[in-house]
């Protein structure tokens, strides 16, 4: 059985995540990359859209969740994203890279990311 993955890159999320009160009040930009492993053989052979993962729905659910969610840490936010994907789409394996694009740290112009994995 072949195992392939679907890669969704550069999902822009506006989320209220951070230690500073203004981060949780006003929010900030995050980028999200998602890799989803599944058995796509039936879709490969029969072009059956029911046999694949609906990446438009994945994006929609994650973006919708970010509008109403607030927390202190990128770790907690990434865990919420993992739960949405696991419960809604049941892939065999998940890898996400969640990036805080402009963390408010004096003298720092870089980005901060967390990488998470899940495997059945």
PDB file of N, CA and C in Angstrom:
ATOM      1  N   UNK A   1       0.840  -1.181   0.000  1.00  0.00           N
ATOM      2  CA  UNK A   1       0.000   0.000   0.000  1.00  0.00           C
ATOM      3  C   UNK A   1       0.887   1.247   0.000  1.00  0.00           C
ATOM      4  N   UNK A   2       0.636   2.132  -0.925  1.00  0.00           N
ATOM      5  CA  UNK A   2       1.396   3.373  -1.007  1.00  0.00           C
ATOM      6  C   UNK A   2       0.880   4.355   0.039  1.00  0.00           C
ATOM      7  N   UNK A   3       1.789   5.081   0.604  1.00  0.00           N
ATOM      8  CA  UNK A   3       1.421   6.178   1.501  1.00  0.00           C
ATOM      9  C   UNK A   3       1.979   7.456   0.881  1.00  0.00           C
ATOM     10  N   UNK A   4       1.088   8.341   0.573  1.00  0.00           N
ATOM     11  CA  UNK A   4       1.453   9.628   0.017  1.00  0.00           C
ATOM     12  C   UNK A   4       1.026  10.709   0.998  1.00  0.00           C
ATOM     13  N   UNK A   5       1.515  11.914   0.774  1.00  0.00           N
ATOM     14  CA  UNK A   5       1.044  12.994   1.622  1.00  0.00           C
ATOM     15  C   UNK A   5       0.619  14.180   0.780  1.00  0.00           C
ATOM     16  N   UNK A   6      -0.311  14.900   1.343  1.00  0.00           N
ATOM     17  CA  UNK A   6      -0.833  16.127   0.767  1.00  0.00           C
ATOM     18  C   UNK A   6      -0.175  17.266   1.531  1.00  0.00           C
ATOM     19  N   UNK A   7       0.382  18.224   0.814  1.00  0.00           N
ATOM     20  CA  UNK A   7       1.070  19.348   1.447  1.00  0.00           C
ATOM     21  C   UNK A   7       0.303  20.638   1.151  1.00  0.00           C
ATOM     22  N   UNK A   8      -0.065  21.333   2.216  1.00  0.00           N
ATOM     23  CA  UNK A   8      -0.752  22.619   2.109  1.00  0.00           C
ATOM     24  C   UNK A   8       0.205  23.658   2.691  1.00  0.00           C
ATOM     25  N   UNK A   9       0.586  24.632   1.893  1.00  0.00           N
ATOM     26  CA  UNK A   9       1.601  25.592   2.320  1.00  0.00           C
ATOM     27  C   UNK A   9       1.050  27.000   2.481  1.00  0.00           C
ATOM     28  N   UNK A  10       1.655  27.707   3.415  1.00  0.00           N
ATOM     29  CA  UNK A  10       1.468  29.142   3.601  1.00  0.00           C
ATOM     30  C   UNK A  10       0.014  29.561   3.816  1.00  0.00           C
ATOM     31  N   UNK A  11      -0.671  28.846   4.688  1.00  0.00           N
ATOM     32  CA  UNK A  11      -2.002  29.277   5.098  1.00  0.00           C
ATOM     33  C   UNK A  11      -1.799  30.465   6.034  1.00  0.00           C
ATOM     34  N   UNK A  12      -2.364  31.601   5.699  1.00  0.00           N
ATOM     35  CA  UNK A  12      -2.244  32.779   6.550  1.00  0.00           C
ATOM     36  C   UNK A  12      -3.380  32.789   7.570  1.00  0.00           C
ATOM     37  N   UNK A  13      -3.002  32.903   8.829  1.00  0.00           N
ATOM     38  CA  UNK A  13      -3.962  32.926   9.928  1.00  0.00           C
ATOM     39  C   UNK A  13      -3.747  34.177  10.747  1.00  0.00           C
ATOM     40  N   UNK A  14      -4.820  34.810  11.126  1.00  0.00           N
ATOM     41  CA  UNK A  14      -4.744  35.919  12.071  1.00  0.00           C
ATOM     42  C   UNK A  14      -5.262  35.364  13.388  1.00  0.00           C
ATOM     43  N   UNK A  15      -4.384  35.315  14.381  1.00  0.00           N
ATOM     44  CA  UNK A  15      -4.754  34.670  15.639  1.00  0.00           C
ATOM     45  C   UNK A  15      -4.328  35.518  16.828  1.00  0.00           C
ATOM     46  N   UNK A  16      -5.084  35.370  17.905  1.00  0.00           N
ATOM     47  CA  UNK A  16      -4.830  36.101  19.145  1.00  0.00           C
ATOM     48  C   UNK A  16      -4.047  35.199  20.095  1.00  0.00           C
ATOM     49  N   UNK A  17      -2.743  35.096  19.823  1.00  0.00           N
ATOM     50  CA  UNK A  17      -1.871  34.198  20.568  1.00  0.00           C
ATOM     51  C   UNK A  17      -0.631  34.968  21.007  1.00  0.00           C
ATOM     52  N   UNK A  18      -0.334  34.909  22.298  1.00  0.00           N
ATOM     53  CA  UNK A  18       0.891  35.538  22.773  1.00  0.00           C
ATOM     54  C   UNK A  18       0.843  35.848  24.251  1.00  0.00           C
ATOM     55  N   UNK A  19       1.993  36.085  24.796  1.00  0.00           N
ATOM     56  CA  UNK A  19       2.138  36.395  26.212  1.00  0.00           C
ATOM     57  C   UNK A  19       1.662  37.818  26.498  1.00  0.00           C
ATOM     58  N   UNK A  20       1.933  38.723  25.578  1.00  0.00           N
ATOM     59  CA  UNK A  20       1.544  40.116  25.778  1.00  0.00           C
ATOM     60  C   UNK A  20       0.043  40.288  25.570  1.00  0.00           C
ATOM     61  N   UNK A  21      -0.555  41.123  26.416  1.00  0.00           N
ATOM     62  CA  UNK A  21      -2.003  41.337  26.333  1.00  0.00           C
ATOM     63  C   UNK A  21      -2.438  41.834  24.952  1.00  0.00           C
ATOM     64  N   UNK A  22      -1.646  42.727  24.341  1.00  0.00           N
ATOM     65  CA  UNK A  22      -2.033  43.240  23.027  1.00  0.00           C
ATOM     66  C   UNK A  22      -1.989  42.167  21.944  1.00  0.00           C
ATOM     67  N   UNK A  23      -1.163  41.142  22.115  1.00  0.00           N
ATOM     68  CA  UNK A  23      -1.144  40.024  21.159  1.00  0.00           C
ATOM     69  C   UNK A  23      -2.469  39.264  21.207  1.00  0.00           C
ATOM     70  N   UNK A  24      -2.975  39.059  22.419  1.00  0.00           N
ATOM     71  CA  UNK A  24      -4.239  38.327  22.562  1.00  0.00           C
ATOM     72  C   UNK A  24      -5.447  39.206  22.253  1.00  0.00           C
ATOM     73  N   UNK A  25      -5.299  40.505  22.417  1.00  0.00           N
ATOM     74  CA  UNK A  25      -6.414  41.410  22.141  1.00  0.00           C
ATOM     75  C   UNK A  25      -6.556  41.699  20.646  1.00  0.00           C
ATOM     76  N   UNK A  26      -5.455  42.020  19.986  1.00  0.00           N
ATOM     77  CA  UNK A  26      -5.511  42.448  18.590  1.00  0.00           C
ATOM     78  C   UNK A  26      -5.126  41.358  17.598  1.00  0.00           C
ATOM     79  N   UNK A  27      -4.363  40.377  18.033  1.00  0.00           N
ATOM     80  CA  UNK A  27      -3.935  39.301  17.156  1.00  0.00           C
ATOM     81  C   UNK A  27      -2.717  39.665  16.324  1.00  0.00           C
ATOM     82  N   UNK A  28      -2.263  38.679  15.564  1.00  0.00           N
ATOM     83  CA  UNK A  28      -1.101  38.856  14.698  1.00  0.00           C
ATOM     84  C   UNK A  28      -1.073  37.754  13.652  1.00  0.00           C
ATOM     85  N   UNK A  29      -0.205  37.922  12.684  1.00  0.00           N
ATOM     86  CA  UNK A  29      -0.129  37.003  11.549  1.00  0.00           C
ATOM     87  C   UNK A  29       0.690  35.754  11.881  1.00  0.00           C
ATOM     88  N   UNK A  30       0.120  34.615  11.503  1.00  0.00           N
ATOM     89  CA  UNK A  30       0.797  33.320  11.569  1.00  0.00           C
ATOM     90  C   UNK A  30       0.740  32.695  10.178  1.00  0.00           C
ATOM     91  N   UNK A  31       1.735  31.880   9.867  1.00  0.00           N
ATOM     92  CA  UNK A  31       1.706  31.049   8.661  1.00  0.00           C
ATOM     93  C   UNK A  31       1.684  29.597   9.107  1.00  0.00           C
ATOM     94  N   UNK A  32       0.958  28.786   8.347  1.00  0.00           N
ATOM     95  CA  UNK A  32       0.817  27.374   8.690  1.00  0.00           C
ATOM     96  C   UNK A  32       1.072  26.523   7.456  1.00  0.00           C
ATOM     97  N   UNK A  33       1.932  25.539   7.612  1.00  0.00           N
ATOM     98  CA  UNK A  33       2.135  24.496   6.603  1.00  0.00           C
ATOM     99  C   UNK A  33       1.641  23.184   7.200  1.00  0.00           C
ATOM    100  N   UNK A  34       0.918  22.408   6.400  1.00  0.00           N
ATOM    101  CA  UNK A  34       0.348  21.143   6.863  1.00  0.00           C
ATOM    102  C   UNK A  34       0.730  20.047   5.879  1.00  0.00           C
ATOM    103  N   UNK A  35       1.182  18.916   6.401  1.00  0.00           N
ATOM    104  CA  UNK A  35       1.383  17.704   5.607  1.00  0.00           C
ATOM    105  C   UNK A  35       0.478  16.632   6.170  1.00  0.00           C
ATOM    106  N   UNK A  36      -0.321  16.006   5.311  1.00  0.00           N
ATOM    107  CA  UNK A  36      -1.282  14.983   5.715  1.00  0.00           C
ATOM    108  C   UNK A  36      -1.008  13.704   4.934  1.00  0.00           C
ATOM    109  N   UNK A  37      -0.710  12.625   5.673  1.00  0.00           N
ATOM    110  CA  UNK A  37      -0.473  11.334   5.050  1.00  0.00           C
ATOM    111  C   UNK A  37      -1.769  10.536   5.041  1.00  0.00           C
ATOM    112  N   UNK A  38      -2.036   9.883   3.930  1.00  0.00           N
ATOM    113  CA  UNK A  38      -3.225   9.058   3.810  1.00  0.00           C
ATOM    114  C   UNK A  38      -3.027   8.076   2.665  1.00  0.00           C
ATOM    115  N   UNK A  39      -3.937   7.157   2.542  1.00  0.00           N
ATOM    116  CA  UNK A  39      -3.910   6.210   1.424  1.00  0.00           C
ATOM    117  C   UNK A  39      -4.756   6.813   0.299  1.00  0.00           C
ATOM    118  N   UNK A  40      -4.108   7.288  -0.717  1.00  0.00           N
ATOM    119  CA  UNK A  40      -4.789   7.921  -1.837  1.00  0.00           C
ATOM    120  C   UNK A  40      -4.968   6.966  -3.017  1.00  0.00           C
ATOM    121  N   UNK A  41      -4.757   5.658  -2.812  1.00  0.00           N
ATOM    122  CA  UNK A  41      -4.805   4.704  -3.927  1.00  0.00           C
ATOM    123  C   UNK A  41      -6.141   4.708  -4.665  1.00  0.00           C
ATOM    124  N   UNK A  42      -7.245   4.701  -3.935  1.00  0.00           N
ATOM    125  CA  UNK A  42      -8.553   4.689  -4.590  1.00  0.00           C
ATOM    126  C   UNK A  42      -8.760   5.955  -5.418  1.00  0.00           C
ATOM    127  N   UNK A  43      -8.343   7.065  -4.883  1.00  0.00           N
ATOM    128  CA  UNK A  43      -8.453   8.320  -5.622  1.00  0.00           C
ATOM    129  C   UNK A  43      -7.532   8.293  -6.848  1.00  0.00           C
ATOM    130  N   UNK A  44      -6.332   7.752  -6.680  1.00  0.00           N
ATOM    131  CA  UNK A  44      -5.397   7.642  -7.801  1.00  0.00           C
ATOM    132  C   UNK A  44      -5.994   6.826  -8.944  1.00  0.00           C
ATOM    133  N   UNK A  45      -6.633   5.724  -8.608  1.00  0.00           N
ATOM    134  CA  UNK A  45      -7.155   4.808  -9.620  1.00  0.00           C
ATOM    135  C   UNK A  45      -8.491   5.255 -10.196  1.00  0.00           C
ATOM    136  N   UNK A  46      -9.385   5.764  -9.360  1.00  0.00           N
ATOM    137  CA  UNK A  46     -10.759   6.040  -9.790  1.00  0.00           C
ATOM    138  C   UNK A  46     -11.109   7.522  -9.869  1.00  0.00           C
ATOM    139  N   UNK A  47     -10.168   8.381  -9.539  1.00  0.00           N
ATOM    140  CA  UNK A  47     -10.415   9.824  -9.548  1.00  0.00           C
ATOM    141  C   UNK A  47     -11.630  10.182  -8.685  1.00  0.00           C
ATOM    142  N   UNK A  48     -11.760   9.474  -7.556  1.00  0.00           N
ATOM    143  CA  UNK A  48     -12.903   9.634  -6.664  1.00  0.00           C
ATOM    144  C   UNK A  48     -12.587  10.698  -5.609  1.00  0.00           C
ATOM    145  N   UNK A  49     -13.275  11.829  -5.676  1.00  0.00           N
ATOM    146  CA  UNK A  49     -12.980  12.907  -4.719  1.00  0.00           C
ATOM    147  C   UNK A  49     -13.358  12.544  -3.291  1.00  0.00           C
ATOM    148  N   UNK A  50     -14.227  11.566  -3.121  1.00  0.00           N
ATOM    149  CA  UNK A  50     -14.593  11.122  -1.768  1.00  0.00           C
ATOM    150  C   UNK A  50     -13.474  10.310  -1.124  1.00  0.00           C
ATOM    151  N   UNK A  51     -12.511   9.885  -1.931  1.00  0.00           N
ATOM    152  CA  UNK A  51     -11.413   9.053  -1.433  1.00  0.00           C
ATOM    153  C   UNK A  51     -10.155   9.867  -1.150  1.00  0.00           C
ATOM    154  N   UNK A  52     -10.286  11.166  -1.101  1.00  0.00           N
ATOM    155  CA  UNK A  52      -9.137  12.004  -0.798  1.00  0.00           C
ATOM    156  C   UNK A  52      -9.475  12.922   0.368  1.00  0.00           C
ATOM    157  N   UNK A  53      -8.522  13.730   0.782  1.00  0.00           N
ATOM    158  CA  UNK A  53      -8.741  14.690   1.858  1.00  0.00           C
ATOM    159  C   UNK A  53      -9.132  16.033   1.238  1.00  0.00           C
ATOM    160  N   UNK A  54     -10.178  16.630   1.731  1.00  0.00           N
ATOM    161  CA  UNK A  54     -10.661  17.906   1.210  1.00  0.00           C
ATOM    162  C   UNK A  54      -9.825  19.033   1.808  1.00  0.00           C
ATOM    163  N   UNK A  55      -8.783  19.430   1.090  1.00  0.00           N
ATOM    164  CA  UNK A  55      -7.870  20.430   1.638  1.00  0.00           C
ATOM    165  C   UNK A  55      -8.523  21.804   1.767  1.00  0.00           C
ATOM    166  N   UNK A  56      -9.509  22.107   0.933  1.00  0.00           N
ATOM    167  CA  UNK A  56     -10.232  23.379   1.081  1.00  0.00           C
ATOM    168  C   UNK A  56     -10.962  23.418   2.428  1.00  0.00           C
ATOM    169  N   UNK A  57     -11.530  22.294   2.812  1.00  0.00           N
ATOM    170  CA  UNK A  57     -12.232  22.208   4.094  1.00  0.00           C
ATOM    171  C   UNK A  57     -11.255  22.265   5.268  1.00  0.00           C
ATOM    172  N   UNK A  58     -10.085  21.647   5.122  1.00  0.00           N
ATOM    173  CA  UNK A  58      -9.048  21.733   6.160  1.00  0.00           C
ATOM    174  C   UNK A  58      -8.707  23.205   6.403  1.00  0.00           C
ATOM    175  N   UNK A  59      -8.437  23.921   5.326  1.00  0.00           N
ATOM    176  CA  UNK A  59      -8.069  25.342   5.436  1.00  0.00           C
ATOM    177  C   UNK A  59      -9.207  26.136   6.079  1.00  0.00           C
ATOM    178  N   UNK A  60     -10.405  25.910   5.613  1.00  0.00           N
ATOM    179  CA  UNK A  60     -11.573  26.637   6.130  1.00  0.00           C
ATOM    180  C   UNK A  60     -11.752  26.414   7.636  1.00  0.00           C
ATOM    181  N   UNK A  61     -11.654  25.159   8.081  1.00  0.00           N
ATOM    182  CA  UNK A  61     -11.856  24.853   9.500  1.00  0.00           C
ATOM    183  C   UNK A  61     -10.771  25.487  10.378  1.00  0.00           C
ATOM    184  N   UNK A  62      -9.529  25.421   9.936  1.00  0.00           N
ATOM    185  CA  UNK A  62      -8.435  25.998  10.723  1.00  0.00           C
ATOM    186  C   UNK A  62      -8.573  27.515  10.785  1.00  0.00           C
ATOM    187  N   UNK A  63      -8.871  28.153   9.657  1.00  0.00           N
ATOM    188  CA  UNK A  63      -9.031  29.613   9.636  1.00  0.00           C
ATOM    189  C   UNK A  63     -10.222  30.049  10.484  1.00  0.00           C
ATOM    190  N   UNK A  64     -11.309  29.323  10.409  1.00  0.00           N
ATOM    191  CA  UNK A  64     -12.496  29.649  11.188  1.00  0.00           C
ATOM    192  C   UNK A  64     -12.207  29.555  12.680  1.00  0.00           C
ATOM    193  N   UNK A  65     -11.511  28.510  13.084  1.00  0.00           N
ATOM    194  CA  UNK A  65     -11.162  28.324  14.496  1.00  0.00           C
ATOM    195  C   UNK A  65     -10.304  29.472  15.009  1.00  0.00           C
ATOM    196  N   UNK A  66      -9.373  29.949  14.201  1.00  0.00           N
ATOM    197  CA  UNK A  66      -8.444  30.984  14.654  1.00  0.00           C
ATOM    198  C   UNK A  66      -9.159  32.295  14.983  1.00  0.00           C
ATOM    199  N   UNK A  67     -10.318  32.533  14.391  1.00  0.00           N
ATOM    200  CA  UNK A  67     -11.054  33.782  14.626  1.00  0.00           C
ATOM    201  C   UNK A  67     -11.605  33.872  16.047  1.00  0.00           C
ATOM    202  N   UNK A  68     -11.867  32.729  16.668  1.00  0.00           N
ATOM    203  CA  UNK A  68     -12.515  32.716  17.981  1.00  0.00           C
ATOM    204  C   UNK A  68     -11.649  32.142  19.092  1.00  0.00           C
ATOM    205  N   UNK A  69     -10.364  31.967  18.822  1.00  0.00           N
ATOM    206  CA  UNK A  69      -9.488  31.303  19.784  1.00  0.00           C
ATOM    207  C   UNK A  69      -8.439  32.288  20.297  1.00  0.00           C
ATOM    208  N   UNK A  70      -8.111  32.161  21.565  1.00  0.00           N
ATOM    209  CA  UNK A  70      -7.068  32.980  22.162  1.00  0.00           C
ATOM    210  C   UNK A  70      -6.323  32.145  23.192  1.00  0.00           C
ATOM    211  N   UNK A  71      -4.992  32.300  23.212  1.00  0.00           N
ATOM    212  CA  UNK A  71      -4.177  31.605  24.215  1.00  0.00           C
ATOM    213  C   UNK A  71      -2.835  32.323  24.355  1.00  0.00           C
ATOM    214  N   UNK A  72      -2.036  31.876  25.298  1.00  0.00           N
ATOM    215  CA  UNK A  72      -0.741  32.483  25.561  1.00  0.00           C
ATOM    216  C   UNK A  72       0.373  31.958  24.658  1.00  0.00           C
ATOM    217  N   UNK A  73       0.345  30.664  24.311  1.00  0.00           N
ATOM    218  CA  UNK A  73       1.519  30.065  23.678  1.00  0.00           C
ATOM    219  C   UNK A  73       1.239  29.498  22.287  1.00  0.00           C
ATOM    220  N   UNK A  74       2.266  29.527  21.473  1.00  0.00           N
ATOM    221  CA  UNK A  74       2.213  28.925  20.139  1.00  0.00           C
ATOM    222  C   UNK A  74       2.066  27.401  20.265  1.00  0.00           C
ATOM    223  N   UNK A  75       2.570  26.852  21.364  1.00  0.00           N
ATOM    224  CA  UNK A  75       2.448  25.417  21.601  1.00  0.00           C
ATOM    225  C   UNK A  75       0.984  25.008  21.749  1.00  0.00           C
ATOM    226  N   UNK A  76       0.240  25.758  22.544  1.00  0.00           N
ATOM    227  CA  UNK A  76      -1.184  25.476  22.747  1.00  0.00           C
ATOM    228  C   UNK A  76      -1.962  25.665  21.443  1.00  0.00           C
ATOM    229  N   UNK A  77      -1.668  26.732  20.728  1.00  0.00           N
ATOM    230  CA  UNK A  77      -2.348  27.001  19.462  1.00  0.00           C
ATOM    231  C   UNK A  77      -2.090  25.879  18.458  1.00  0.00           C
ATOM    232  N   UNK A  78      -0.860  25.420  18.372  1.00  0.00           N
ATOM    233  CA  UNK A  78      -0.527  24.327  17.440  1.00  0.00           C
ATOM    234  C   UNK A  78      -1.252  23.044  17.828  1.00  0.00           C
ATOM    235  N   UNK A  79      -1.415  22.804  19.124  1.00  0.00           N
ATOM    236  CA  UNK A  79      -2.138  21.613  19.582  1.00  0.00           C
ATOM    237  C   UNK A  79      -3.614  21.690  19.181  1.00  0.00           C
ATOM    238  N   UNK A  80      -4.201  22.867  19.251  1.00  0.00           N
ATOM    239  CA  UNK A  80      -5.581  23.058  18.812  1.00  0.00           C
ATOM    240  C   UNK A  80      -5.727  22.745  17.322  1.00  0.00           C
ATOM    241  N   UNK A  81      -4.773  23.191  16.540  1.00  0.00           N
ATOM    242  CA  UNK A  81      -4.795  22.915  15.096  1.00  0.00           C
ATOM    243  C   UNK A  81      -4.698  21.413  14.841  1.00  0.00           C
ATOM    244  N   UNK A  82      -3.812  20.747  15.573  1.00  0.00           N
ATOM    245  CA  UNK A  82      -3.677  19.291  15.415  1.00  0.00           C
ATOM    246  C   UNK A  82      -4.998  18.586  15.728  1.00  0.00           C
ATOM    247  N   UNK A  83      -5.683  19.017  16.790  1.00  0.00           N
ATOM    248  CA  UNK A  83      -6.959  18.402  17.169  1.00  0.00           C
ATOM    249  C   UNK A  83      -8.020  18.587  16.086  1.00  0.00           C
ATOM    250  N   UNK A  84      -8.070  19.766  15.488  1.00  0.00           N
ATOM    251  CA  UNK A  84      -9.025  20.026  14.407  1.00  0.00           C
ATOM    252  C   UNK A  84      -8.785  19.071  13.245  1.00  0.00           C
ATOM    253  N   UNK A  85      -7.538  18.910  12.876  1.00  0.00           N
ATOM    254  CA  UNK A  85      -7.201  18.053  11.735  1.00  0.00           C
ATOM    255  C   UNK A  85      -7.460  16.589  12.058  1.00  0.00           C
ATOM    256  N   UNK A  86      -7.029  16.132  13.239  1.00  0.00           N
ATOM    257  CA  UNK A  86      -7.232  14.739  13.629  1.00  0.00           C
ATOM    258  C   UNK A  86      -8.705  14.377  13.671  1.00  0.00           C
ATOM    259  N   UNK A  87      -9.489  15.199  14.347  1.00  0.00           N
ATOM    260  CA  UNK A  87     -10.887  14.838  14.538  1.00  0.00           C
ATOM    261  C   UNK A  87     -11.713  15.001  13.270  1.00  0.00           C
ATOM    262  N   UNK A  88     -11.380  15.966  12.442  1.00  0.00           N
ATOM    263  CA  UNK A  88     -12.198  16.222  11.263  1.00  0.00           C
ATOM    264  C   UNK A  88     -11.818  15.440  10.023  1.00  0.00           C
ATOM    265  N   UNK A  89     -10.558  14.966   9.950  1.00  0.00           N
ATOM    266  CA  UNK A  89     -10.085  14.385   8.692  1.00  0.00           C
ATOM    267  C   UNK A  89      -9.400  13.029   8.848  1.00  0.00           C
ATOM    268  N   UNK A  90      -9.020  12.673  10.058  1.00  0.00           N
ATOM    269  CA  UNK A  90      -8.482  11.356  10.375  1.00  0.00           C
ATOM    270  C   UNK A  90      -7.356  10.871   9.445  1.00  0.00           C
ATOM    271  N   UNK A  91      -6.347  11.694   9.198  1.00  0.00           N
ATOM    272  CA  UNK A  91      -5.226  11.219   8.379  1.00  0.00           C
ATOM    273  C   UNK A  91      -4.375  10.228   9.167  1.00  0.00           C
ATOM    274  N   UNK A  92      -3.555   9.459   8.469  1.00  0.00           N
ATOM    275  CA  UNK A  92      -2.676   8.490   9.119  1.00  0.00           C
ATOM    276  C   UNK A  92      -1.550   9.175   9.889  1.00  0.00           C
ATOM    277  N   UNK A  93      -1.129  10.303   9.364  1.00  0.00           N
ATOM    278  CA  UNK A  93      -0.020  11.034   9.980  1.00  0.00           C
ATOM    279  C   UNK A  93      -0.200  12.506   9.651  1.00  0.00           C
ATOM    280  N   UNK A  94       0.212  13.369  10.581  1.00  0.00           N
ATOM    281  CA  UNK A  94       0.134  14.814  10.399  1.00  0.00           C
ATOM    282  C   UNK A  94       1.476  15.431  10.788  1.00  0.00           C
ATOM    283  N   UNK A  95       1.891  16.416  10.020  1.00  0.00           N
ATOM    284  CA  UNK A  95       3.000  17.271  10.414  1.00  0.00           C
ATOM    285  C   UNK A  95       2.542  18.699  10.151  1.00  0.00           C
ATOM    286  N   UNK A  96       2.689  19.564  11.154  1.00  0.00           N
ATOM    287  CA  UNK A  96       2.395  20.972  10.938  1.00  0.00           C
ATOM    288  C   UNK A  96       3.611  21.809  11.327  1.00  0.00           C
ATOM    289  N   UNK A  97       3.734  22.926  10.646  1.00  0.00           N
ATOM    290  CA  UNK A  97       4.729  23.936  11.003  1.00  0.00           C
ATOM    291  C   UNK A  97       3.953  25.238  11.158  1.00  0.00           C
ATOM    292  N   UNK A  98       3.856  25.711  12.394  1.00  0.00           N
ATOM    293  CA  UNK A  98       3.138  26.935  12.707  1.00  0.00           C
ATOM    294  C   UNK A  98       4.164  28.016  13.008  1.00  0.00           C
ATOM    295  N   UNK A  99       4.095  29.113  12.256  1.00  0.00           N
ATOM    296  CA  UNK A  99       5.093  30.176  12.353  1.00  0.00           C
ATOM    297  C   UNK A  99       4.467  31.489  12.784  1.00  0.00           C
ATOM    298  N   UNK A 100       5.012  32.061  13.832  1.00  0.00           N
ATOM    299  CA  UNK A 100       4.644  33.411  14.275  1.00  0.00           C
ATOM    300  C   UNK A 100       5.524  34.364  13.464  1.00  0.00           C
ATOM    301  N   UNK A 101       4.891  35.149  12.602  1.00  0.00           N
ATOM    302  CA  UNK A 101       5.636  35.905  11.587  1.00  0.00           C
ATOM    303  C   UNK A 101       6.417  37.100  12.129  1.00  0.00           C
ATOM    304  N   UNK A 102       5.872  37.783  13.118  1.00  0.00           N
ATOM    305  CA  UNK A 102       6.553  38.958  13.663  1.00  0.00           C
ATOM    306  C   UNK A 102       6.430  38.991  15.182  1.00  0.00           C
ATOM    307  N   UNK A 103       7.136  38.089  15.871  1.00  0.00           N
ATOM    308  CA  UNK A 103       7.030  38.096  17.331  1.00  0.00           C
ATOM    309  C   UNK A 103       7.547  39.430  17.894  1.00  0.00           C
ATOM    310  N   UNK A 104       6.836  39.993  18.866  1.00  0.00           N
ATOM    311  CA  UNK A 104       7.223  41.300  19.405  1.00  0.00           C
ATOM    312  C   UNK A 104       8.381  41.192  20.401  1.00  0.00           C
ATOM    313  N   UNK A 105       9.574  40.981  19.851  1.00  0.00           N
ATOM    314  CA  UNK A 105      10.779  40.855  20.675  1.00  0.00           C
ATOM    315  C   UNK A 105      11.741  41.952  20.230  1.00  0.00           C
ATOM    316  N   UNK A 106      12.132  42.820  21.149  1.00  0.00           N
ATOM    317  CA  UNK A 106      13.040  43.920  20.815  1.00  0.00           C
ATOM    318  C   UNK A 106      14.326  43.390  20.183  1.00  0.00           C
ATOM    319  N   UNK A 107      14.703  43.993  19.062  1.00  0.00           N
ATOM    320  CA  UNK A 107      15.954  43.644  18.396  1.00  0.00           C
ATOM    321  C   UNK A 107      15.912  42.357  17.597  1.00  0.00           C
ATOM    322  N   UNK A 108      14.743  41.748  17.454  1.00  0.00           N
ATOM    323  CA  UNK A 108      14.619  40.475  16.729  1.00  0.00           C
ATOM    324  C   UNK A 108      13.711  40.682  15.529  1.00  0.00           C
ATOM    325  N   UNK A 109      14.210  40.379  14.349  1.00  0.00           N
ATOM    326  CA  UNK A 109      13.433  40.556  13.117  1.00  0.00           C
ATOM    327  C   UNK A 109      13.082  39.220  12.462  1.00  0.00           C
ATOM    328  N   UNK A 110      13.324  38.124  13.153  1.00  0.00           N
ATOM    329  CA  UNK A 110      13.079  36.799  12.594  1.00  0.00           C
ATOM    330  C   UNK A 110      11.671  36.294  12.858  1.00  0.00           C
ATOM    331  N   UNK A 111      11.510  35.017  12.661  1.00  0.00           N
ATOM    332  CA  UNK A 111      10.241  34.331  12.881  1.00  0.00           C
ATOM    333  C   UNK A 111      10.465  33.205  13.879  1.00  0.00           C
ATOM    334  N   UNK A 112       9.385  32.763  14.508  1.00  0.00           N
ATOM    335  CA  UNK A 112       9.460  31.652  15.455  1.00  0.00           C
ATOM    336  C   UNK A 112       8.452  30.605  15.013  1.00  0.00           C
ATOM    337  N   UNK A 113       8.891  29.343  14.941  1.00  0.00           N
ATOM    338  CA  UNK A 113       8.006  28.260  14.494  1.00  0.00           C
ATOM    339  C   UNK A 113       8.023  27.119  15.482  1.00  0.00           C
ATOM    340  N   UNK A 114       6.922  26.384  15.481  1.00  0.00           N
ATOM    341  CA  UNK A 114       6.865  25.107  16.189  1.00  0.00           C
ATOM    342  C   UNK A 114       6.479  24.052  15.154  1.00  0.00           C
ATOM    343  N   UNK A 115       7.098  22.893  15.276  1.00  0.00           N
ATOM    344  CA  UNK A 115       6.823  21.771  14.384  1.00  0.00           C
ATOM    345  C   UNK A 115       6.234  20.658  15.231  1.00  0.00           C
ATOM    346  N   UNK A 116       5.086  20.123  14.788  1.00  0.00           N
ATOM    347  CA  UNK A 116       4.436  19.033  15.524  1.00  0.00           C
ATOM    348  C   UNK A 116       4.132  17.884  14.578  1.00  0.00           C
ATOM    349  N   UNK A 117       4.205  16.663  15.146  1.00  0.00           N
ATOM    350  CA  UNK A 117       3.913  15.441  14.407  1.00  0.00           C
ATOM    351  C   UNK A 117       2.854  14.646  15.143  1.00  0.00           C
ATOM    352  N   UNK A 118       2.061  13.927  14.390  1.00  0.00           N
ATOM    353  CA  UNK A 118       1.136  12.954  14.933  1.00  0.00           C
ATOM    354  C   UNK A 118       1.152  11.764  13.994  1.00  0.00           C
ATOM    355  N   UNK A 119       1.164  10.566  14.569  1.00  0.00           N
ATOM    356  CA  UNK A 119       1.076   9.346  13.774  1.00  0.00           C
ATOM    357  C   UNK A 119       0.209   8.332  14.509  1.00  0.00           C
ATOM    358  N   UNK A 120      -0.678   7.680  13.759  1.00  0.00           N
ATOM    359  CA  UNK A 120      -1.546   6.644  14.358  1.00  0.00           C
ATOM    360  C   UNK A 120      -0.726   5.473  14.814  1.00  0.00           C
TER     361      UNK A 120
END
